[in-house]
Amino acid sequence: MGEPAGIGPELVGMAWRILRHDAQCRFVCLADPRFLHRRLRAAGIDVPIVEIDAVPEAGLRFADALPVLSLDSPVASGEPGRPDVADCPAVLEAIHTAVALVQDGACRALVTSPVQKETLYLSGFRFPGHTELLGQLAARRGGPAVAVMMLASAQLRVVPVTVHVPLADVPRLLTTDLIVSTGMIAATDLARRFAIPAPRLAVCGLNPHAGEGGQIGTEDRDVIVPAVDRLIAAGIAASGPHSADTLFHPVARTGYDAVLAMYHDQALIPIKTIAFDTAVNVTLGLPFVRTSPDHGTALQLAGTGKADPTSLICAIRMAAEMADRGG
């Protein structure tokens, strides 16, 4: 469901209309069905909804109506464009329930709509975002506690080593061990879930011109070079550190399968410039498949019915493809 005040609920309805006859992409929506019905109708999105009691019903009903598995926590407000802390229990219940359904094998993959992190923080949420929460939920059943974010499109894949942290903290948080562990997870899942037998990783430098041999900062020489060496020693086709300003043009992109970027904007600015509507957020390192659209809640568009569902549809299709490869 995502943030009730955002565009997520509307995008789910739009995605169903486009995918309703695609057998590989049948899905069930976890939401408050009464709220979802109100929102879609108010936004002028004509979608029939059927409330189901168990996931298997979704496959039987999907071609005729959007199947919704009801939550115990109703949406208290859900006013478009106005996030309300009172709706956080419903948002979090949807995530927890969805993870449990995937872990239990009732569903093949998890696709999440955007959440409003600022509102979740006010409710006591203590994770930087979706990705970190999913890693913690996976760990409760013996899965990995470290989840890695990748943004993927047909043109580019990027993995930020540090994510939702202040830029001033990046040099302190960036360690050789962190770069190596992130690269190992990325290479493993690129092989397992993207059918790339020997993934090539291009590693960004942190400083301009990758530090110019220590003349423009020493992190590239002292932290990143040893990480690249360790990745190569582990059998991964890693290269770098590369100057980030020359790594994303079309010719450069033919030389790697994914980029390890050192911080959030170094990764997300290129991919959102190249593939804003089609990029997908993929969580690597989990024992289950998780994707999401590569955009936020777009509060200014909520309730208008004018949001573009392309990224969510790409996320659903990518999740289905990843699940087909073994999840």
Protein backbone atom coordinates (compact mmCIF):
# COMPACT_ATOMS: atom_id res chain seq x y z
CA MET A 1 0.00 0.00 0.00
CA GLY A 2 2.70 2.48 0.96
CA GLU A 3 1.92 5.91 2.39
CA PRO A 4 -1.89 6.40 2.26
CA ALA A 5 -1.52 10.14 1.65
CA GLY A 6 0.81 9.58 -1.31
CA ILE A 7 0.38 8.26 -4.83
CA GLY A 8 1.00 4.60 -3.95
CA PRO A 9 -2.66 3.58 -3.59
CA GLU A 10 -3.52 5.13 -6.95
CA LEU A 11 -0.55 3.54 -8.70
CA VAL A 12 -1.63 0.11 -7.47
CA GLY A 13 -4.99 0.56 -9.16
CA MET A 14 -3.40 1.81 -12.38
CA ALA A 15 -0.92 -1.07 -12.38
CA TRP A 16 -3.74 -3.60 -12.01
CA ARG A 17 -5.54 -2.16 -15.04
CA ILE A 18 -2.42 -2.64 -17.18
CA LEU A 19 -1.32 -6.02 -15.78
CA ARG A 20 -4.68 -7.70 -15.19
CA HIS A 21 -4.21 -10.16 -18.06
CA ASP A 22 -0.51 -10.82 -17.41
CA ALA A 23 -0.36 -14.20 -15.65
CA GLN A 24 3.26 -13.71 -14.60
CA CYS A 25 2.50 -10.46 -12.77
CA ARG A 26 -0.59 -11.30 -10.75
CA PHE A 27 -0.40 -9.64 -7.35
CA VAL A 28 -2.35 -9.08 -4.17
CA CYS A 29 -2.53 -5.65 -2.55
CA LEU A 30 -2.15 -5.34 1.22
CA ALA A 31 -4.26 -2.37 2.22
CA ASP A 32 -7.40 -1.13 3.93
CA PRO A 33 -9.92 -2.03 1.17
CA ARG A 34 -12.46 0.61 2.19
CA PHE A 35 -9.84 3.34 2.07
CA LEU A 36 -8.44 2.05 -1.23
CA HIS A 37 -11.89 2.04 -2.79
CA ARG A 38 -12.53 5.63 -1.65
CA ARG A 39 -9.19 6.88 -2.91
CA LEU A 40 -9.42 5.27 -6.34
CA ARG A 41 -12.99 6.48 -6.85
CA ALA A 42 -12.11 10.03 -5.74
CA ALA A 43 -9.14 10.06 -8.12
CA GLY A 44 -11.30 8.95 -11.03
CA ILE A 45 -9.59 5.56 -11.35
CA ASP A 46 -12.22 3.00 -12.27
CA VAL A 47 -10.98 -0.25 -10.72
CA PRO A 48 -13.14 -2.99 -9.20
CA ILE A 49 -11.85 -4.27 -5.84
CA VAL A 50 -12.42 -7.67 -4.29
CA GLU A 51 -11.54 -8.27 -0.64
CA ILE A 52 -9.98 -11.69 -0.13
CA ASP A 53 -9.29 -13.79 2.95
CA ALA A 54 -6.27 -15.74 1.66
CA VAL A 55 -3.62 -15.24 -1.00
CA PRO A 56 -4.64 -18.16 -3.28
CA GLU A 57 -7.91 -16.34 -4.00
CA ALA A 58 -5.94 -13.52 -5.63
CA GLY A 59 -4.84 -15.67 -8.55
CA LEU A 60 -8.40 -16.76 -9.21
CA ARG A 61 -9.87 -13.26 -9.08
CA PHE A 62 -7.06 -11.13 -10.49
CA ALA A 63 -8.30 -10.80 -14.08
CA ASP A 64 -11.66 -9.46 -12.90
CA ALA A 65 -10.82 -7.28 -9.89
CA LEU A 66 -7.91 -5.95 -7.84
CA PRO A 67 -7.54 -8.44 -4.96
CA VAL A 68 -7.00 -6.77 -1.57
CA LEU A 69 -5.94 -8.60 1.57
CA SER A 70 -7.37 -6.54 4.39
CA LEU A 71 -5.25 -5.24 7.27
CA ASP A 72 -6.22 -5.24 10.94
CA SER A 73 -5.12 -1.60 11.19
CA PRO A 74 -7.47 0.65 9.19
CA VAL A 75 -6.29 3.83 7.50
CA ALA A 76 -7.38 6.54 9.91
CA SER A 77 -6.97 9.52 7.59
CA GLY A 78 -5.39 8.94 4.19
CA GLU A 79 -6.14 12.48 3.06
CA PRO A 80 -4.24 13.06 -0.20
CA GLY A 81 -1.09 15.08 0.30
CA ARG A 82 -1.38 15.18 4.11
CA PRO A 83 0.49 12.34 5.84
CA ASP A 84 -0.84 11.51 9.29
CA VAL A 85 1.04 9.70 12.07
CA ALA A 86 -2.24 7.93 12.85
CA ASP A 87 -1.85 5.99 9.58
CA CYS A 88 1.61 4.62 10.43
CA PRO A 89 0.31 1.42 12.08
CA ALA A 90 -1.45 0.48 8.83
CA VAL A 91 1.66 1.27 6.78
CA LEU A 92 3.91 -0.84 8.98
CA GLU A 93 1.43 -3.70 9.28
CA ALA A 94 1.29 -3.91 5.49
CA ILE A 95 5.10 -4.24 5.32
CA HIS A 96 5.35 -6.81 8.12
CA THR A 97 2.48 -8.89 6.74
CA ALA A 98 3.89 -8.80 3.20
CA VAL A 99 7.30 -9.98 4.39
CA ALA A 100 5.71 -12.84 6.31
CA LEU A 101 3.70 -13.91 3.24
CA VAL A 102 6.85 -14.03 1.11
CA GLN A 103 8.89 -15.80 3.78
CA ASP A 104 6.14 -18.40 4.20
CA GLY A 105 6.03 -19.03 0.45
CA ALA A 106 2.49 -17.72 -0.05
CA CYS A 107 3.84 -15.08 -2.45
CA ARG A 108 6.87 -15.17 -4.76
CA ALA A 109 8.10 -11.62 -4.25
CA LEU A 110 7.48 -8.36 -2.42
CA VAL A 111 6.85 -5.03 -4.16
CA THR A 112 6.52 -1.99 -1.91
CA SER A 113 4.93 1.36 -2.67
CA PRO A 114 6.74 4.46 -1.35
CA VAL A 115 6.48 5.39 2.32
CA GLN A 116 6.78 8.83 3.92
CA LYS A 117 9.80 8.34 6.17
CA GLU A 118 9.43 11.67 7.96
CA THR A 119 5.99 10.64 9.20
CA LEU A 120 7.20 7.18 10.22
CA TYR A 121 10.01 8.79 12.24
CA LEU A 122 7.43 10.80 14.18
CA SER A 123 5.69 7.53 15.07
CA GLY A 124 8.89 6.10 16.58
CA PHE A 125 10.23 4.30 13.47
CA ARG A 126 13.95 3.81 14.01
CA PHE A 127 15.17 2.58 10.62
CA PRO A 128 16.62 4.87 7.91
CA GLY A 129 14.16 3.38 5.41
CA HIS A 130 12.40 0.37 3.92
CA THR A 131 15.63 -1.43 3.05
CA GLU A 132 17.00 -1.50 6.58
CA LEU A 133 13.67 -2.63 8.05
CA LEU A 134 13.49 -5.50 5.57
CA GLY A 135 16.99 -6.60 6.52
CA GLN A 136 15.97 -6.68 10.17
CA LEU A 137 12.80 -8.66 9.43
CA ALA A 138 14.83 -11.15 7.39
CA ALA A 139 17.29 -11.53 10.26
CA ARG A 140 14.50 -12.56 12.62
CA ARG A 141 14.16 -15.80 10.63
CA GLY A 142 17.85 -16.44 10.30
CA GLY A 143 18.37 -14.44 7.13
CA PRO A 144 21.02 -11.75 6.58
CA ALA A 145 20.83 -8.63 8.73
CA VAL A 146 22.53 -6.49 6.06
CA ALA A 147 20.43 -5.50 3.05
CA VAL A 148 21.87 -3.59 0.10
CA MET A 149 20.01 -1.15 -2.14
CA MET A 150 20.41 -1.29 -5.91
CA LEU A 151 18.69 0.92 -8.47
CA ALA A 152 18.28 -0.93 -11.75
CA SER A 153 17.12 -0.16 -15.25
CA ALA A 154 17.82 -1.50 -18.72
CA GLN A 155 20.55 1.13 -19.14
CA LEU A 156 22.25 1.20 -15.72
CA ARG A 157 22.52 -0.48 -12.33
CA VAL A 158 23.93 1.39 -9.33
CA VAL A 159 24.60 0.32 -5.74
CA PRO A 160 25.29 3.04 -3.14
CA VAL A 161 27.69 1.82 -0.43
CA THR A 162 26.45 4.44 2.05
CA VAL A 163 22.82 5.44 1.65
CA HIS A 164 20.65 7.68 3.83
CA VAL A 165 23.36 9.43 5.81
CA PRO A 166 24.56 13.06 5.86
CA LEU A 167 27.18 13.74 3.22
CA ALA A 168 29.54 15.03 5.93
CA ASP A 169 29.51 11.57 7.56
CA VAL A 170 30.36 9.59 4.41
CA PRO A 171 34.19 9.64 4.72
CA ARG A 172 33.97 8.38 8.29
CA LEU A 173 31.44 5.64 7.49
CA LEU A 174 33.17 4.47 4.32
CA THR A 175 35.45 1.53 5.15
CA THR A 176 37.26 -1.08 3.11
CA ASP A 177 35.22 -3.82 4.79
CA LEU A 178 31.93 -2.08 3.94
CA ILE A 179 32.86 -1.66 0.29
CA VAL A 180 33.95 -5.30 0.06
CA SER A 181 30.82 -6.68 1.75
CA THR A 182 28.57 -4.51 -0.45
CA GLY A 183 30.40 -5.63 -3.56
CA MET A 184 30.19 -9.29 -2.57
CA ILE A 185 26.42 -9.06 -2.02
CA ALA A 186 25.95 -7.20 -5.30
CA ALA A 187 27.98 -9.73 -7.29
CA THR A 188 26.18 -12.68 -5.70
CA ASP A 189 22.70 -11.36 -6.47
CA LEU A 190 23.60 -10.15 -9.96
CA ALA A 191 24.58 -13.74 -10.72
CA ARG A 192 21.68 -15.37 -8.89
CA ARG A 193 18.79 -13.04 -9.71
CA PHE A 194 19.87 -11.24 -12.87
CA ALA A 195 21.49 -14.16 -14.72
CA ILE A 196 24.88 -12.46 -15.06
CA PRO A 197 27.37 -15.32 -14.51
CA ALA A 198 30.46 -13.16 -13.92
CA PRO A 199 29.30 -9.66 -12.90
CA ARG A 200 31.63 -6.74 -13.62
CA LEU A 201 31.65 -4.09 -10.89
CA ALA A 202 32.96 -0.57 -11.51
CA VAL A 203 33.86 1.08 -8.21
CA CYS A 204 33.54 4.86 -7.94
CA GLY A 205 36.09 7.02 -6.24
CA LEU A 206 34.96 9.26 -3.43
CA ASN A 207 36.83 12.44 -4.31
CA PRO A 208 37.10 14.34 -7.59
CA HIS A 209 39.26 12.42 -10.08
CA ALA A 210 39.34 9.50 -7.60
CA GLY A 211 41.67 11.51 -5.38
CA GLU A 212 44.49 12.10 -7.90
CA GLY A 213 46.75 9.63 -6.07
CA GLY A 214 46.11 11.24 -2.70
CA GLN A 215 46.42 14.85 -3.86
CA ILE A 216 42.65 15.47 -3.55
CA GLY A 217 41.86 13.45 -0.43
CA THR A 218 43.33 10.14 0.67
CA GLU A 219 40.21 7.98 0.98
CA ASP A 220 40.44 6.65 -2.57
CA ARG A 221 44.04 5.52 -2.08
CA ASP A 222 43.73 4.27 1.49
CA VAL A 223 40.19 2.85 1.64
CA ILE A 224 38.83 2.17 -1.85
CA VAL A 225 41.91 0.76 -3.62
CA PRO A 226 42.36 -1.98 -0.97
CA ALA A 227 38.66 -2.84 -1.30
CA VAL A 228 38.96 -3.24 -5.07
CA ASP A 229 42.03 -5.43 -4.57
CA ARG A 230 40.15 -7.65 -2.10
CA LEU A 231 37.17 -8.00 -4.45
CA ILE A 232 39.48 -9.04 -7.27
CA ALA A 233 41.23 -11.52 -4.97
CA ALA A 234 37.79 -13.00 -4.18
CA GLY A 235 37.26 -13.70 -7.88
CA ILE A 236 35.04 -10.71 -8.68
CA ALA A 237 35.66 -8.66 -11.83
CA ALA A 238 36.02 -5.36 -10.02
CA SER A 239 37.77 -2.23 -11.28
CA GLY A 240 38.50 1.20 -9.91
CA PRO A 241 38.37 3.51 -8.20
CA HIS A 242 37.02 5.38 -11.20
CA SER A 243 36.42 9.10 -11.44
CA ALA A 244 32.65 9.27 -11.10
CA ASP A 245 32.26 12.11 -13.59
CA THR A 246 33.34 9.88 -16.49
CA LEU A 247 31.67 6.64 -15.47
CA PHE A 248 28.08 7.05 -16.65
CA HIS A 249 28.17 8.05 -20.32
CA PRO A 250 26.99 5.45 -22.89
CA VAL A 251 30.42 4.09 -23.86
CA ALA A 252 31.55 3.77 -20.23
CA ARG A 253 28.37 1.85 -19.37
CA THR A 254 29.35 -0.94 -21.76
CA GLY A 255 32.28 -1.81 -19.53
CA TYR A 256 30.44 -2.94 -16.40
CA ASP A 257 27.25 -4.56 -15.14
CA ALA A 258 26.83 -2.40 -12.03
CA VAL A 259 28.48 0.54 -10.32
CA LEU A 260 29.41 0.66 -6.65
CA ALA A 261 28.94 4.30 -5.69
CA MET A 262 30.27 5.72 -2.46
CA TYR A 263 27.23 7.78 -1.46
CA HIS A 264 23.54 8.27 -2.22
CA ASP A 265 23.54 11.05 -4.82
CA GLN A 266 26.60 9.69 -6.63
CA ALA A 267 24.42 6.67 -7.47
CA LEU A 268 20.95 8.11 -7.77
CA ILE A 269 21.56 11.25 -9.81
CA PRO A 270 22.87 9.31 -12.83
CA ILE A 271 20.17 6.66 -12.87
CA LYS A 272 17.34 9.11 -12.28
CA THR A 273 18.69 11.24 -15.10
CA ILE A 274 19.02 8.29 -17.48
CA ALA A 275 15.93 6.27 -16.50
CA PHE A 276 13.68 8.35 -14.27
CA ASP A 277 10.43 6.60 -15.23
CA THR A 278 11.69 3.03 -15.56
CA ALA A 279 14.28 2.56 -12.82
CA VAL A 280 13.47 0.08 -10.05
CA ASN A 281 14.69 -0.08 -6.47
CA VAL A 282 15.90 -3.64 -5.72
CA THR A 283 16.97 -4.89 -2.30
CA LEU A 284 19.94 -7.24 -2.59
CA GLY A 285 21.14 -9.63 0.09
CA LEU A 286 17.70 -10.74 1.29
CA PRO A 287 16.44 -14.33 1.25
CA PHE A 288 13.44 -13.10 -0.76
CA VAL A 289 12.85 -10.81 -3.74
CA ARG A 290 11.95 -7.20 -3.02
CA THR A 291 11.52 -4.34 -5.48
CA SER A 292 9.87 -0.93 -5.40
CA PRO A 293 9.40 2.03 -7.73
CA ASP A 294 12.29 4.45 -7.86
CA HIS A 295 10.38 7.49 -6.67
CA GLY A 296 8.82 8.91 -3.54
CA THR A 297 5.29 9.53 -2.36
CA ALA A 298 4.75 12.58 -4.64
CA LEU A 299 2.32 14.17 -2.19
CA GLN A 300 1.59 17.01 -4.61
CA LEU A 301 0.10 14.52 -7.11
CA ALA A 302 -1.82 12.41 -4.60
CA GLY A 303 -5.55 12.29 -5.26
CA THR A 304 -5.28 13.69 -8.78
CA GLY A 305 -5.09 10.40 -10.67
CA LYS A 306 -2.28 11.93 -12.77
CA ALA A 307 0.70 10.01 -11.36
CA ASP A 308 2.66 7.78 -13.73
CA PRO A 309 2.55 4.06 -12.81
CA THR A 310 5.45 3.09 -15.10
CA SER A 311 8.05 2.63 -12.35
CA LEU A 312 5.69 0.51 -10.23
CA ILE A 313 4.81 -1.64 -13.24
CA CYS A 314 8.54 -2.07 -13.98
CA ALA A 315 9.06 -3.03 -10.32
CA ILE A 316 6.33 -5.68 -10.51
CA ARG A 317 7.68 -7.10 -13.75
CA MET A 318 11.26 -7.14 -12.47
CA ALA A 319 10.16 -8.89 -9.27
CA ALA A 320 8.41 -11.57 -11.32
CA GLU A 321 11.50 -12.06 -13.50
CA MET A 322 13.77 -12.31 -10.46
CA ALA A 323 11.44 -14.83 -8.83
CA ASP A 324 11.45 -16.89 -12.04
CA ARG A 325 15.24 -17.15 -11.75
CA GLY A 326 14.98 -18.72 -8.34
CA GLY A 327 14.29 -15.78 -6.01
